[in-house]
């Protein structure tokens, strides 16, 4: 099972390299079901994996001029603040047993996985739907609605902090439609925002956790994801990203449904 998990790490990186997001949504289910980690710990590990691999993956995008730093700052700073608050204060404050009735106990772990599964289903719809026109020219880059972008970034940070996923499927449409970035620049900028948010979230976890971190697992998994990102960056020159996006969306939809069914009726 662990071998399959490490193979999936490469796939996560490939998806990140091609789409600029989406792949990270697989990391938590892989860590929970293949490496048997508690969901809360899995979200923390996911933040590290996604953060470091995205940071490495953004380097070639930056060298190609595909990262818009001003947009990353305006969108990313409020997200950075909220993801740190979520991991340092919100997550530790949730009790392990939230509510119980009859023979059913609604736990913190169950809450995490159900919210994560719902997020996967929402993400799948954004991937499956027909592609919209992303053909915005670079001279049209414009950040006009600052307040809306800041609010969106703040709530994205809460989401990232809670479920341990980068949220690229939410960031990229916001960068394209709110900030008027071309698709390729939105992908590169998304990777930078995801990297910083995830690393800060993991740091917030380190400041409150008393459990030992399995650094060997983290380093191996992250290294494989980074290899996958470079493979994805190369493949992106030859592959239709929209077709891959739709196929991956259907897979994410099935995974989300399976997680809800597994957690509520089997686990």
Protein backbone atom coordinates (compact mmCIF):
# COMPACT_ATOMS: atom_id res chain seq x y z
CA UNK A 1 0.00 0.00 0.00
CA UNK A 2 2.85 2.37 0.78
CA UNK A 3 4.41 1.66 -2.63
CA UNK A 4 1.11 2.68 -4.24
CA UNK A 5 1.09 5.78 -2.06
CA UNK A 6 4.55 6.83 -3.21
CA UNK A 7 3.54 6.23 -6.83
CA UNK A 8 0.58 8.52 -6.24
CA UNK A 9 2.98 11.20 -4.99
CA UNK A 10 4.50 11.37 -8.48
CA UNK A 11 1.02 11.63 -10.01
CA UNK A 12 0.16 14.48 -7.61
CA UNK A 13 3.26 16.33 -8.79
CA UNK A 14 2.44 15.75 -12.45
CA UNK A 15 -1.07 17.16 -11.99
CA UNK A 16 0.36 20.19 -10.16
CA UNK A 17 2.90 20.75 -12.93
CA UNK A 18 0.32 20.64 -15.70
CA UNK A 19 -2.72 22.29 -14.10
CA UNK A 20 -1.15 24.48 -11.40
CA UNK A 21 -3.48 22.94 -8.83
CA UNK A 22 -5.83 20.04 -8.24
CA UNK A 23 -3.22 17.36 -7.59
CA UNK A 24 -2.82 18.35 -3.96
CA UNK A 25 -6.41 17.33 -3.30
CA UNK A 26 -5.24 13.70 -3.56
CA UNK A 27 -2.58 13.97 -0.87
CA UNK A 28 -4.90 13.77 2.17
CA UNK A 29 -6.83 10.66 1.01
CA UNK A 30 -3.52 8.99 0.11
CA UNK A 31 -2.02 9.75 3.53
CA UNK A 32 -5.16 8.62 5.35
CA UNK A 33 -6.03 5.44 3.43
CA UNK A 34 -2.64 4.24 2.17
CA UNK A 35 -0.35 5.42 5.00
CA UNK A 36 -3.02 5.14 7.74
CA UNK A 37 -2.48 8.60 9.23
CA UNK A 38 -5.08 10.38 11.37
CA UNK A 39 -6.93 12.94 9.17
CA UNK A 40 -5.70 15.92 11.22
CA UNK A 41 -2.08 14.78 10.90
CA UNK A 42 -2.66 14.00 7.21
CA UNK A 43 -3.78 17.60 6.56
CA UNK A 44 -0.62 18.88 8.28
CA UNK A 45 1.61 16.55 6.25
CA UNK A 46 -0.25 17.54 3.11
CA UNK A 47 0.51 21.22 3.76
CA UNK A 48 4.23 20.44 3.89
CA UNK A 49 4.16 18.22 0.79
CA UNK A 50 2.09 20.64 -1.27
CA UNK A 51 4.02 23.68 -0.02
CA UNK A 52 7.53 22.43 -0.76
CA UNK A 53 6.66 20.77 -4.07
CA UNK A 54 4.77 23.86 -5.28
CA UNK A 55 7.66 26.10 -4.23
CA UNK A 56 10.08 24.03 -6.30
CA UNK A 57 7.58 23.85 -9.16
CA UNK A 58 7.14 27.62 -9.32
CA UNK A 59 10.85 28.22 -10.03
CA UNK A 60 10.73 27.32 -13.77
CA UNK A 61 7.44 29.23 -14.09
CA UNK A 62 9.10 32.33 -12.61
CA UNK A 63 12.09 32.02 -14.93
CA UNK A 64 9.67 31.88 -17.87
CA UNK A 65 7.97 35.07 -16.68
CA UNK A 66 4.77 33.21 -15.78
CA UNK A 67 4.43 34.49 -12.18
CA UNK A 68 2.73 37.84 -11.42
CA UNK A 69 4.23 38.84 -8.07
CA UNK A 70 1.93 41.83 -7.38
CA UNK A 71 -1.16 39.65 -7.77
CA UNK A 72 0.41 36.93 -5.60
CA UNK A 73 0.96 39.47 -2.81
CA UNK A 74 -2.54 40.98 -2.91
CA UNK A 75 -4.25 37.59 -3.09
CA UNK A 76 -1.74 35.67 -0.98
CA UNK A 77 -1.15 37.85 2.10
CA UNK A 78 -4.73 37.61 3.49
CA UNK A 79 -4.72 33.88 2.68
CA UNK A 80 -1.38 33.49 4.44
CA UNK A 81 -2.75 35.15 7.59
CA UNK A 82 -5.93 33.08 7.67
CA UNK A 83 -4.22 29.75 7.01
CA UNK A 84 -1.80 30.37 9.91
CA UNK A 85 -4.67 31.31 12.26
CA UNK A 86 -6.63 28.24 11.18
CA UNK A 87 -3.80 25.79 11.84
CA UNK A 88 -2.54 27.42 15.05
CA UNK A 89 -5.85 28.28 16.76
CA UNK A 90 -8.95 26.90 14.98
CA UNK A 91 -7.92 23.27 14.40
CA UNK A 92 -6.57 22.70 17.97
CA UNK A 93 -9.77 24.20 19.45
CA UNK A 94 -12.06 21.60 17.82
CA UNK A 95 -12.78 18.75 20.27
CA UNK A 96 -12.04 15.17 19.20
CA UNK A 97 -15.68 14.23 19.87
CA UNK A 98 -17.96 16.96 18.56
CA UNK A 99 -21.39 15.40 19.06
CA UNK A 100 -22.81 11.94 19.75
CA UNK A 101 -26.27 10.42 19.51
CA UNK A 102 -27.37 6.81 19.80
CA UNK A 103 -24.35 4.72 18.71
CA UNK A 104 -22.98 7.36 16.36
CA UNK A 105 -20.12 9.70 17.33
CA UNK A 106 -19.33 12.66 15.07
CA UNK A 107 -15.61 13.13 15.59
CA UNK A 108 -13.06 15.73 14.53
CA UNK A 109 -11.55 13.18 12.15
CA UNK A 110 -14.94 12.50 10.56
CA UNK A 111 -15.62 16.22 10.20
CA UNK A 112 -12.27 16.70 8.46
CA UNK A 113 -12.83 13.88 5.98
CA UNK A 114 -16.44 14.82 5.20
CA UNK A 115 -15.53 18.46 4.55
CA UNK A 116 -12.59 17.29 2.47
CA UNK A 117 -14.83 14.97 0.44
CA UNK A 118 -17.34 17.77 -0.17
CA UNK A 119 -14.46 19.97 -1.30
CA UNK A 120 -13.38 17.25 -3.73
CA UNK A 121 -16.89 17.07 -5.19
CA UNK A 122 -17.05 20.86 -5.60
CA UNK A 123 -13.59 20.84 -7.17
CA UNK A 124 -14.60 18.07 -9.56
CA UNK A 125 -17.48 20.14 -10.97
CA UNK A 126 -15.13 23.05 -11.66
CA UNK A 127 -12.82 20.64 -13.52
CA UNK A 128 -15.50 18.74 -15.44
CA UNK A 129 -17.48 21.69 -16.78
CA UNK A 130 -16.72 22.86 -20.27
CA UNK A 131 -13.69 25.10 -20.54
CA UNK A 132 -14.38 28.81 -20.51
CA UNK A 133 -12.46 31.37 -22.52
CA UNK A 134 -9.18 32.01 -20.75
CA UNK A 135 -7.69 33.94 -23.67
CA UNK A 136 -6.86 37.14 -21.79
CA UNK A 137 -3.92 39.07 -23.18
CA UNK A 138 -1.00 39.97 -20.92
CA UNK A 139 -1.52 43.70 -21.42
CA UNK A 140 -4.97 43.31 -19.89
CA UNK A 141 -3.55 42.39 -16.46
CA UNK A 142 -5.46 44.55 -14.02
CA UNK A 143 -6.16 44.37 -10.31
CA UNK A 144 -9.18 46.61 -9.86
CA UNK A 145 -11.35 44.95 -7.24
CA UNK A 146 -8.89 44.80 -4.33
CA UNK A 147 -11.45 44.26 -1.57
CA UNK A 148 -13.08 41.30 -3.31
CA UNK A 149 -9.69 39.68 -3.98
CA UNK A 150 -8.56 40.16 -0.36
CA UNK A 151 -11.79 38.62 1.00
CA UNK A 152 -11.52 35.70 -1.40
CA UNK A 153 -7.90 35.15 -0.41
CA UNK A 154 -8.80 35.22 3.30
CA UNK A 155 -11.50 32.54 2.97
CA UNK A 156 -9.29 30.46 0.71
CA UNK A 157 -6.68 30.48 3.49
CA UNK A 158 -9.21 29.11 5.98
CA UNK A 159 -10.08 26.34 3.53
CA UNK A 160 -6.43 25.52 2.86
CA UNK A 161 -5.66 25.47 6.58
CA UNK A 162 -8.58 23.22 7.44
CA UNK A 163 -8.31 20.53 4.78
CA UNK A 164 -4.60 20.74 3.89
CA UNK A 165 -5.20 21.27 0.15
CA UNK A 166 -3.81 24.14 -1.88
CA UNK A 167 -7.10 25.17 -3.47
CA UNK A 168 -5.65 25.75 -6.93
CA UNK A 169 -9.01 24.95 -8.51
CA UNK A 170 -10.39 28.02 -6.68
CA UNK A 171 -7.34 30.26 -7.06
CA UNK A 172 -6.92 29.96 -10.83
CA UNK A 173 -10.46 31.08 -11.82
CA UNK A 174 -10.12 34.00 -9.38
CA UNK A 175 -6.79 35.03 -10.90
CA UNK A 176 -8.19 34.81 -14.42
CA UNK A 177 -11.55 36.51 -13.94
CA UNK A 178 -10.88 38.86 -11.01
CA UNK A 179 -7.29 39.78 -11.76
CA UNK A 180 -7.45 39.36 -15.56
CA UNK A 181 -4.35 37.17 -15.75
CA UNK A 182 -3.71 34.98 -18.79
CA UNK A 183 -4.16 31.28 -18.04
CA UNK A 184 -0.45 30.37 -18.10
CA UNK A 185 0.45 33.25 -15.75
CA UNK A 186 -2.49 32.31 -13.50
CA UNK A 187 -1.10 28.76 -13.21
CA UNK A 188 2.37 30.00 -12.21
CA UNK A 189 1.00 32.60 -9.79
CA UNK A 190 -1.31 29.97 -8.28
CA UNK A 191 1.67 27.72 -7.53
CA UNK A 192 3.41 30.54 -5.65
CA UNK A 193 0.30 31.34 -3.57
CA UNK A 194 -0.24 27.65 -2.80
CA UNK A 195 3.42 27.21 -1.80
CA UNK A 196 3.53 30.11 0.65
CA UNK A 197 0.10 29.38 2.18
CA UNK A 198 0.84 25.69 2.69
CA UNK A 199 4.28 26.21 4.24
CA UNK A 200 2.95 28.86 6.63
CA UNK A 201 0.10 26.53 7.57
CA UNK A 202 2.56 23.75 8.36
CA UNK A 203 4.65 26.13 10.47
CA UNK A 204 1.48 27.01 12.39
CA UNK A 205 1.03 23.30 13.06
CA UNK A 206 4.60 22.86 14.30
CA UNK A 207 4.08 25.60 16.87
CA UNK A 208 1.21 23.74 18.58
CA UNK A 209 1.77 20.03 17.95
CA UNK A 210 3.42 17.76 20.50
CA UNK A 211 3.52 14.73 18.20
CA UNK A 212 6.66 13.58 16.43
CA UNK A 213 6.79 14.33 12.71
CA UNK A 214 7.63 11.42 10.41
CA UNK A 215 10.22 13.38 8.43
CA UNK A 216 11.33 10.31 6.47
CA UNK A 217 7.83 9.87 5.03
CA UNK A 218 7.48 13.59 4.36
CA UNK A 219 10.82 13.91 2.58
CA UNK A 220 10.33 10.83 0.38
CA UNK A 221 6.75 11.77 -0.52
CA UNK A 222 7.68 15.40 -1.22
CA UNK A 223 10.72 14.45 -3.31
CA UNK A 224 8.57 12.20 -5.49
CA UNK A 225 5.96 14.95 -5.86
CA UNK A 226 8.71 17.39 -6.94
CA UNK A 227 9.91 14.89 -9.55
CA UNK A 228 6.31 14.68 -10.74
CA UNK A 229 6.07 18.47 -11.04
CA UNK A 230 9.09 18.62 -13.36
CA UNK A 231 7.59 15.78 -15.41
CA UNK A 232 4.30 17.70 -15.50
CA UNK A 233 6.01 20.92 -16.58
CA UNK A 234 7.60 19.04 -19.48
CA UNK A 235 4.44 17.17 -20.47
CA UNK A 236 2.42 20.41 -20.41
CA UNK A 237 4.15 21.46 -23.65
CA UNK A 238 2.57 18.56 -25.55
CA UNK A 239 -0.70 17.72 -23.77
CA UNK A 240 -4.14 19.34 -23.87
CA UNK A 241 -4.50 20.44 -20.24
CA UNK A 242 -8.29 20.89 -20.58
CA UNK A 243 -8.83 17.24 -21.55
CA UNK A 244 -6.68 16.08 -18.64
CA UNK A 245 -8.54 18.45 -16.34
CA UNK A 246 -11.95 16.95 -17.21
CA UNK A 247 -10.76 13.36 -16.83
CA UNK A 248 -9.13 14.16 -13.50
CA UNK A 249 -12.34 15.92 -12.45
CA UNK A 250 -14.38 12.73 -12.91
CA UNK A 251 -11.81 10.81 -10.86
CA UNK A 252 -11.98 13.39 -8.05
CA UNK A 253 -15.80 13.23 -8.09
CA UNK A 254 -15.76 9.44 -7.61
CA UNK A 255 -13.12 9.75 -4.88
CA UNK A 256 -15.20 12.34 -3.00
CA UNK A 257 -18.31 10.15 -3.12
CA UNK A 258 -16.30 7.13 -1.98
CA UNK A 259 -14.82 9.01 1.00
CA UNK A 260 -18.26 10.16 2.22
CA UNK A 261 -19.66 6.62 1.87
CA UNK A 262 -16.61 5.07 3.55
CA UNK A 263 -16.53 7.49 6.49
CA UNK A 264 -20.27 7.48 7.21
CA UNK A 265 -21.25 3.87 6.49
CA UNK A 266 -18.14 1.65 6.58
CA UNK A 267 -15.61 3.23 8.96
